[in-house]
Amino acid sequence: MSQAPQPFTLPNPAGEPLTALRIGPVEVVLGAQGGKYPDGNHVMVSGREGCVSFDLPPVSRVVPARLARADFVVLGHVHEDHTAGLSLLPQVPVHVHEGDVAAMRSLDGLAVHYGYRPPVTAALCRRAVERFHYAPRPDALAYADGASWDLGGVRVRAVHAPGHTRGHCILLVEPDGIAFIGDIDLSSFGPYYGDATSDLAAFRATLRQVRDLPAACWITSHHKGVVSSRERFLEQLQAFGAALDRRQAALLDALRARPQGLDDLVRTRFVYRPDFDDDFVEDAERRVIGQHLDELLAEGRIVRRDDGAYAAAG
């Protein structure tokens, strides 16, 4: 099983040295502000016969010589902040789960992946290119649940963990029991499931699944970084998942107060703070709220009236 994380630093031509951790065959370079979006934490895994880079956040571009060690790339999922360094490795094979691979192969695929209204999607695609260096990889290789890569004494195994995106995966480093859990990021914000390929029910199932992973160390794309205590991991996972029920309870309370249509609910904001503004927020709120409404309808806790408004049942 995994070893205790060993801290070290890397020179940073752009500023202060980068903080990094070594855990057995794994190196984690922590992104700015603990890997907070728009940055993330960058993971590389080395064995006797090869080296793989996982997702490529902006911090991966700061140390290109280190990144150049990668023989191939495995993405846990596709979003703009997870592909920022890939353009530095144009000849290196990249593997993407079959549920997300279209978003890596073309901008049109990325647009479908986001799935917002056309002007919003166009703005996000421009941001992906201009700010995050997104470059389509039509040669991206699709992998499935259970796919594995042998590095020589170290194996990486993909565990499909959808919800955040259709193809979101946990990348498990064996036999050390180190799990890169990606955007199951254990943040106080909670799960994000606001894209067209996101799925609330799948995220709920993933949160149950991740508890039982054969792991002793967990690495997140953002915020927490490395968690090496199972007790602490389970506590943080519980708090992370509780955001789902908190949002749903707030939505149900709003409908108990008065019947409302989806447009009214979107303006209330159940995911983002009212003072947070970005191109995608309204569309993401609509997608998230719509999924919770579908759950509540299926459970018989709300009804939809003839005028389209939703109301608490009974």
Protein backbone atom coordinates (compact mmCIF):
# COMPACT_ATOMS: atom_id res chain seq x y z
CA MET A 1 0.00 0.00 0.00
CA SER A 2 0.99 3.65 -0.31
CA GLN A 3 3.76 5.40 1.57
CA ALA A 4 3.58 8.67 3.49
CA PRO A 5 3.80 11.69 1.14
CA GLN A 6 7.30 13.17 0.98
CA PRO A 7 7.42 16.92 0.21
CA PHE A 8 9.91 18.48 -2.19
CA THR A 9 10.10 21.60 -4.34
CA LEU A 10 10.60 22.28 -8.03
CA PRO A 11 12.07 25.45 -9.52
CA ASN A 12 9.51 27.74 -11.07
CA PRO A 13 10.82 30.12 -13.75
CA ALA A 14 7.71 32.25 -13.29
CA GLY A 15 7.93 32.78 -9.53
CA GLU A 16 8.12 30.99 -6.20
CA PRO A 17 9.25 27.34 -6.19
CA LEU A 18 6.47 24.81 -6.74
CA THR A 19 5.37 22.60 -3.88
CA ALA A 20 5.31 18.91 -4.72
CA LEU A 21 4.78 15.55 -3.02
CA ARG A 22 6.21 12.14 -3.76
CA ILE A 23 4.21 9.05 -2.77
CA GLY A 24 5.90 5.86 -3.90
CA PRO A 25 5.88 5.94 -7.72
CA VAL A 26 3.67 9.05 -7.83
CA GLU A 27 4.65 12.71 -8.00
CA VAL A 28 2.08 15.43 -7.38
CA VAL A 29 2.84 19.05 -8.20
CA LEU A 30 0.34 21.28 -6.42
CA GLY A 31 -1.23 24.02 -8.49
CA ALA A 32 -1.77 27.63 -7.48
CA GLN A 33 -3.93 28.17 -4.38
CA GLY A 34 -3.89 24.46 -3.63
CA GLY A 35 -4.98 23.60 -7.14
CA LYS A 36 -8.06 25.79 -7.06
CA TYR A 37 -9.72 26.30 -10.46
CA PRO A 38 -8.49 27.51 -12.95
CA ASP A 39 -5.41 25.55 -11.87
CA GLY A 40 -5.20 22.00 -10.57
CA ASN A 41 -2.82 19.43 -9.14
CA HIS A 42 -0.63 17.58 -11.63
CA VAL A 43 0.11 13.87 -11.23
CA MET A 44 2.80 11.76 -12.88
CA VAL A 45 3.46 8.06 -12.25
CA SER A 46 6.72 6.26 -13.03
CA GLY A 47 7.59 2.58 -13.27
CA ARG A 48 10.62 0.67 -14.51
CA GLU A 49 9.39 0.75 -18.09
CA GLY A 50 7.50 3.99 -18.50
CA CYS A 51 6.04 7.20 -17.16
CA VAL A 52 2.47 8.46 -17.49
CA SER A 53 0.98 11.90 -16.91
CA PHE A 54 -2.58 12.13 -15.68
CA ASP A 55 -4.69 15.27 -16.27
CA LEU A 56 -2.74 18.34 -17.37
CA PRO A 57 -3.75 21.48 -15.43
CA PRO A 58 -2.07 24.86 -16.03
CA VAL A 59 0.70 24.13 -13.50
CA SER A 60 1.90 21.32 -15.79
CA ARG A 61 2.98 23.96 -18.32
CA VAL A 62 5.31 25.64 -15.82
CA VAL A 63 7.80 22.75 -15.77
CA PRO A 64 7.88 21.49 -19.38
CA ALA A 65 11.09 19.49 -18.88
CA ARG A 66 9.37 17.42 -16.20
CA LEU A 67 6.29 17.01 -18.35
CA ALA A 68 8.46 15.80 -21.24
CA ARG A 69 9.23 12.64 -19.25
CA ALA A 70 5.74 11.35 -20.01
CA ASP A 71 5.58 8.44 -22.45
CA PHE A 72 1.80 8.80 -22.66
CA VAL A 73 -1.13 10.63 -21.06
CA VAL A 74 -4.26 9.24 -19.43
CA LEU A 75 -7.05 11.76 -18.80
CA GLY A 76 -9.47 11.07 -15.98
CA HIS A 77 -11.96 13.32 -17.77
CA VAL A 78 -12.13 16.19 -20.24
CA HIS A 79 -12.61 19.78 -19.14
CA GLU A 80 -10.59 22.80 -20.20
CA ASP A 81 -8.60 22.99 -16.95
CA HIS A 82 -7.54 19.33 -17.29
CA THR A 83 -6.06 19.61 -20.78
CA ALA A 84 -4.06 22.84 -20.49
CA GLY A 85 -0.65 21.16 -20.80
CA LEU A 86 -1.55 18.67 -23.50
CA SER A 87 -0.55 21.00 -26.32
CA LEU A 88 3.06 20.68 -25.08
CA LEU A 89 2.92 16.95 -25.87
CA PRO A 90 1.55 16.86 -29.43
CA GLN A 91 3.24 13.56 -30.31
CA VAL A 92 2.56 11.73 -27.05
CA PRO A 93 -0.38 9.26 -27.09
CA VAL A 94 -3.38 10.40 -25.08
CA HIS A 95 -6.00 8.03 -23.67
CA VAL A 96 -9.50 9.26 -22.78
CA HIS A 97 -12.52 7.32 -21.54
CA GLU A 98 -14.96 6.54 -24.33
CA GLY A 99 -17.61 8.73 -22.68
CA ASP A 100 -15.43 11.84 -22.95
CA VAL A 101 -13.16 11.11 -25.92
CA ALA A 102 -15.22 13.09 -28.45
CA ALA A 103 -14.62 16.23 -26.35
CA MET A 104 -10.88 15.77 -26.78
CA ARG A 105 -10.98 14.92 -30.47
CA SER A 106 -12.61 18.15 -31.67
CA LEU A 107 -14.00 21.52 -30.65
CA ASP A 108 -17.40 20.38 -31.89
CA GLY A 109 -17.16 17.45 -29.51
CA LEU A 110 -16.19 19.79 -26.67
CA ALA A 111 -19.20 21.98 -27.46
CA VAL A 112 -21.54 18.98 -27.21
CA HIS A 113 -19.81 18.01 -23.96
CA TYR A 114 -20.64 21.42 -22.42
CA GLY A 115 -24.10 21.45 -23.98
CA TYR A 116 -25.08 24.99 -23.02
CA ARG A 117 -26.93 27.51 -25.18
CA PRO A 118 -24.92 28.20 -28.37
CA PRO A 119 -23.54 31.64 -27.38
CA VAL A 120 -22.46 30.34 -23.98
CA THR A 121 -20.91 27.21 -25.42
CA ALA A 122 -19.05 29.27 -28.03
CA ALA A 123 -17.64 31.53 -25.29
CA LEU A 124 -16.46 28.54 -23.25
CA CYS A 125 -14.83 26.93 -26.27
CA ARG A 126 -12.98 30.19 -27.00
CA ARG A 127 -11.85 30.28 -23.38
CA ALA A 128 -10.63 26.69 -23.63
CA VAL A 129 -8.46 27.59 -26.63
CA GLU A 130 -7.26 31.06 -25.62
CA ARG A 131 -6.81 30.64 -21.88
CA PHE A 132 -6.26 26.89 -21.47
CA HIS A 133 -4.40 26.12 -24.72
CA TYR A 134 -6.97 23.50 -25.76
CA ALA A 135 -5.84 21.80 -28.96
CA PRO A 136 -8.02 19.05 -30.46
CA ARG A 137 -6.49 15.59 -30.52
CA PRO A 138 -8.33 13.65 -33.24
CA ASP A 139 -5.92 10.80 -32.51
CA ALA A 140 -7.09 10.46 -28.88
CA LEU A 141 -7.48 6.79 -27.94
CA ALA A 142 -10.70 5.65 -26.24
CA TYR A 143 -10.49 3.43 -23.18
CA ALA A 144 -13.21 1.64 -21.21
CA ASP A 145 -13.87 0.88 -17.56
CA GLY A 146 -11.18 -1.43 -16.24
CA ALA A 147 -8.54 -0.44 -18.79
CA SER A 148 -5.02 -0.75 -17.42
CA TRP A 149 -1.52 0.37 -18.33
CA ASP A 150 1.61 -1.48 -17.14
CA LEU A 151 4.56 0.77 -16.34
CA GLY A 152 6.82 -2.02 -15.08
CA GLY A 153 6.20 -2.91 -11.45
CA VAL A 154 3.44 -0.29 -11.36
CA ARG A 155 0.01 -0.50 -12.97
CA VAL A 156 -2.60 2.18 -13.58
CA ARG A 157 -6.22 0.98 -13.70
CA ALA A 158 -9.23 3.05 -14.76
CA VAL A 159 -12.36 2.87 -12.62
CA HIS A 160 -15.34 4.50 -14.33
CA ALA A 161 -16.83 7.07 -11.93
CA PRO A 162 -19.35 9.14 -13.92
CA GLY A 163 -21.49 12.03 -12.79
CA HIS A 164 -19.15 15.00 -13.16
CA THR A 165 -18.89 14.02 -16.82
CA ARG A 166 -20.09 10.92 -18.64
CA GLY A 167 -16.56 9.54 -18.86
CA HIS A 168 -15.09 10.71 -15.54
CA CYS A 169 -12.76 8.04 -14.15
CA ILE A 170 -10.69 7.36 -11.07
CA LEU A 171 -7.15 6.34 -11.95
CA LEU A 172 -5.90 3.78 -9.45
CA VAL A 173 -2.15 3.21 -9.06
CA GLU A 174 -1.48 -0.39 -8.09
CA PRO A 175 -0.19 -2.12 -6.03
CA ASP A 176 0.41 1.04 -3.96
CA GLY A 177 -3.28 1.84 -3.49
CA ILE A 178 -3.06 5.46 -4.65
CA ALA A 179 -6.28 6.78 -6.19
CA PHE A 180 -6.39 9.88 -8.36
CA ILE A 181 -10.06 10.79 -7.88
CA GLY A 182 -10.08 13.85 -10.14
CA ASP A 183 -13.04 16.17 -9.70
CA ILE A 184 -14.42 14.25 -6.78
CA ASP A 185 -12.39 17.02 -5.23
CA LEU A 186 -13.73 16.94 -1.64
CA SER A 187 -14.26 20.71 -1.74
CA SER A 188 -16.77 22.61 0.39
CA PHE A 189 -18.50 23.63 -2.87
CA GLY A 190 -19.51 20.02 -3.45
CA PRO A 191 -20.07 18.08 -6.68
CA TYR A 192 -20.43 19.82 -10.02
CA TYR A 193 -22.89 18.23 -12.46
CA GLY A 194 -24.00 21.15 -14.61
CA ASP A 195 -22.89 20.08 -18.10
CA ALA A 196 -24.87 18.20 -20.71
CA THR A 197 -22.92 15.01 -19.99
CA SER A 198 -23.17 15.39 -16.19
CA ASP A 199 -25.59 13.19 -14.27
CA LEU A 200 -26.82 13.62 -10.70
CA ALA A 201 -27.93 10.01 -10.24
CA ALA A 202 -24.60 8.76 -11.58
CA PHE A 203 -22.73 11.09 -9.22
CA ARG A 204 -24.67 9.72 -6.26
CA ALA A 205 -23.72 6.18 -7.29
CA THR A 206 -20.07 7.20 -7.77
CA LEU A 207 -19.91 8.70 -4.27
CA ARG A 208 -21.07 5.36 -2.86
CA GLN A 209 -18.59 3.47 -5.03
CA VAL A 210 -15.54 5.55 -4.16
CA ARG A 211 -15.85 4.71 -0.46
CA ASP A 212 -14.89 1.11 -1.19
CA LEU A 213 -11.93 1.67 -3.47
CA PRO A 214 -8.89 -0.45 -2.52
CA ALA A 215 -6.90 2.69 -1.72
CA ALA A 216 -4.87 4.09 1.14
CA CYS A 217 -4.18 7.50 -0.41
CA TRP A 218 -6.43 9.78 -2.44
CA ILE A 219 -5.38 12.62 -4.77
CA THR A 220 -7.82 15.27 -5.94
CA SER A 221 -7.54 17.53 -8.97
CA HIS A 222 -8.37 20.57 -6.87
CA HIS A 223 -8.33 21.88 -3.31
CA LYS A 224 -7.42 19.00 -0.99
CA GLY A 225 -4.49 17.63 -3.00
CA VAL A 226 -3.32 14.50 -1.15
CA VAL A 227 -5.30 12.79 1.61
CA SER A 228 -3.49 9.90 3.27
CA SER A 229 -5.84 9.08 6.16
CA ARG A 230 -8.85 6.89 5.39
CA GLU A 231 -10.79 8.37 8.31
CA ARG A 232 -10.15 11.88 7.05
CA PHE A 233 -10.98 10.89 3.48
CA LEU A 234 -14.35 9.43 4.50
CA GLU A 235 -15.17 12.52 6.54
CA GLN A 236 -14.34 14.81 3.62
CA LEU A 237 -16.23 12.60 1.17
CA GLN A 238 -19.31 12.71 3.38
CA ALA A 239 -19.14 16.51 3.59
CA PHE A 240 -18.60 16.77 -0.17
CA GLY A 241 -21.60 14.58 -0.98
CA ALA A 242 -23.80 16.35 1.55
CA ALA A 243 -23.96 19.31 -0.83
CA LEU A 244 -26.29 17.25 -3.04
CA ASP A 245 -28.89 16.86 -0.32
CA ARG A 246 -28.36 20.43 0.87
CA ARG A 247 -29.18 21.78 -2.58
CA GLN A 248 -32.18 19.49 -2.90
CA ALA A 249 -33.50 20.49 0.52
CA ALA A 250 -33.16 24.18 -0.33
CA LEU A 251 -35.02 23.62 -3.57
CA LEU A 252 -37.81 21.76 -1.81
CA ASP A 253 -38.09 24.52 0.82
CA ALA A 254 -38.43 27.10 -1.97
CA LEU A 255 -41.27 25.12 -3.52
CA ARG A 256 -42.99 24.68 -0.17
CA ALA A 257 -42.94 28.46 0.15
CA ARG A 258 -44.63 28.93 -3.22
CA PRO A 259 -44.96 27.20 -6.60
CA GLN A 260 -42.29 28.32 -9.05
CA GLY A 261 -41.24 27.72 -12.63
CA LEU A 262 -37.75 26.67 -13.64
CA ASP A 263 -36.80 30.21 -14.69
CA ASP A 264 -37.71 31.52 -11.22
CA LEU A 265 -35.66 28.81 -9.55
CA VAL A 266 -32.65 29.49 -11.75
CA ARG A 267 -32.68 33.14 -10.70
CA THR A 268 -32.68 32.09 -7.02
CA ARG A 269 -29.30 30.27 -7.37
CA PHE A 270 -29.04 26.90 -5.64
CA VAL A 271 -25.45 26.16 -6.71
CA TYR A 272 -23.51 29.41 -7.12
CA ARG A 273 -23.50 32.48 -4.90
CA PRO A 274 -25.65 35.34 -6.19
CA ASP A 275 -22.57 37.55 -6.53
CA PHE A 276 -20.68 35.03 -8.70
CA ASP A 277 -20.93 35.79 -12.40
CA ASP A 278 -19.69 33.84 -15.41
CA ASP A 279 -20.96 32.99 -18.87
CA PHE A 280 -22.04 29.48 -17.94
CA VAL A 281 -23.69 30.05 -14.55
CA GLU A 282 -27.32 30.38 -15.66
CA ASP A 283 -27.07 27.31 -17.89
CA ALA A 284 -25.33 25.26 -15.19
CA GLU A 285 -27.94 26.24 -12.60
CA ARG A 286 -30.68 25.22 -15.04
CA ARG A 287 -29.08 21.83 -15.64
CA VAL A 288 -28.45 21.14 -11.94
CA ILE A 289 -31.87 22.30 -10.77
CA GLY A 290 -33.58 20.36 -13.55
CA GLN A 291 -31.96 17.14 -12.39
CA HIS A 292 -33.03 17.71 -8.80
CA LEU A 293 -36.57 18.47 -9.94
CA ASP A 294 -36.61 15.19 -11.87
CA GLU A 295 -35.50 13.35 -8.71
CA LEU A 296 -38.14 15.03 -6.58
CA LEU A 297 -40.86 14.31 -9.16
CA ALA A 298 -39.82 10.65 -9.32
CA GLU A 299 -39.96 10.45 -5.51
CA GLY A 300 -43.43 12.04 -5.46
CA ARG A 301 -42.22 14.92 -3.29
CA ILE A 302 -43.20 17.62 -5.79
CA VAL A 303 -45.71 17.92 -8.62
CA ARG A 304 -45.70 19.87 -11.87
CA ARG A 305 -48.80 21.94 -12.40
CA ASP A 306 -50.59 22.51 -15.68
CA ASP A 307 -49.03 25.98 -15.93
CA GLY A 308 -45.53 24.44 -15.78
CA ALA A 309 -44.74 25.56 -12.25
CA TYR A 310 -43.46 23.10 -9.66
CA ALA A 311 -45.02 22.80 -6.22
CA ALA A 312 -44.42 20.70 -3.12
CA ALA A 313 -46.67 17.66 -3.03
CA GLY A 314 -49.50 17.56 -0.51
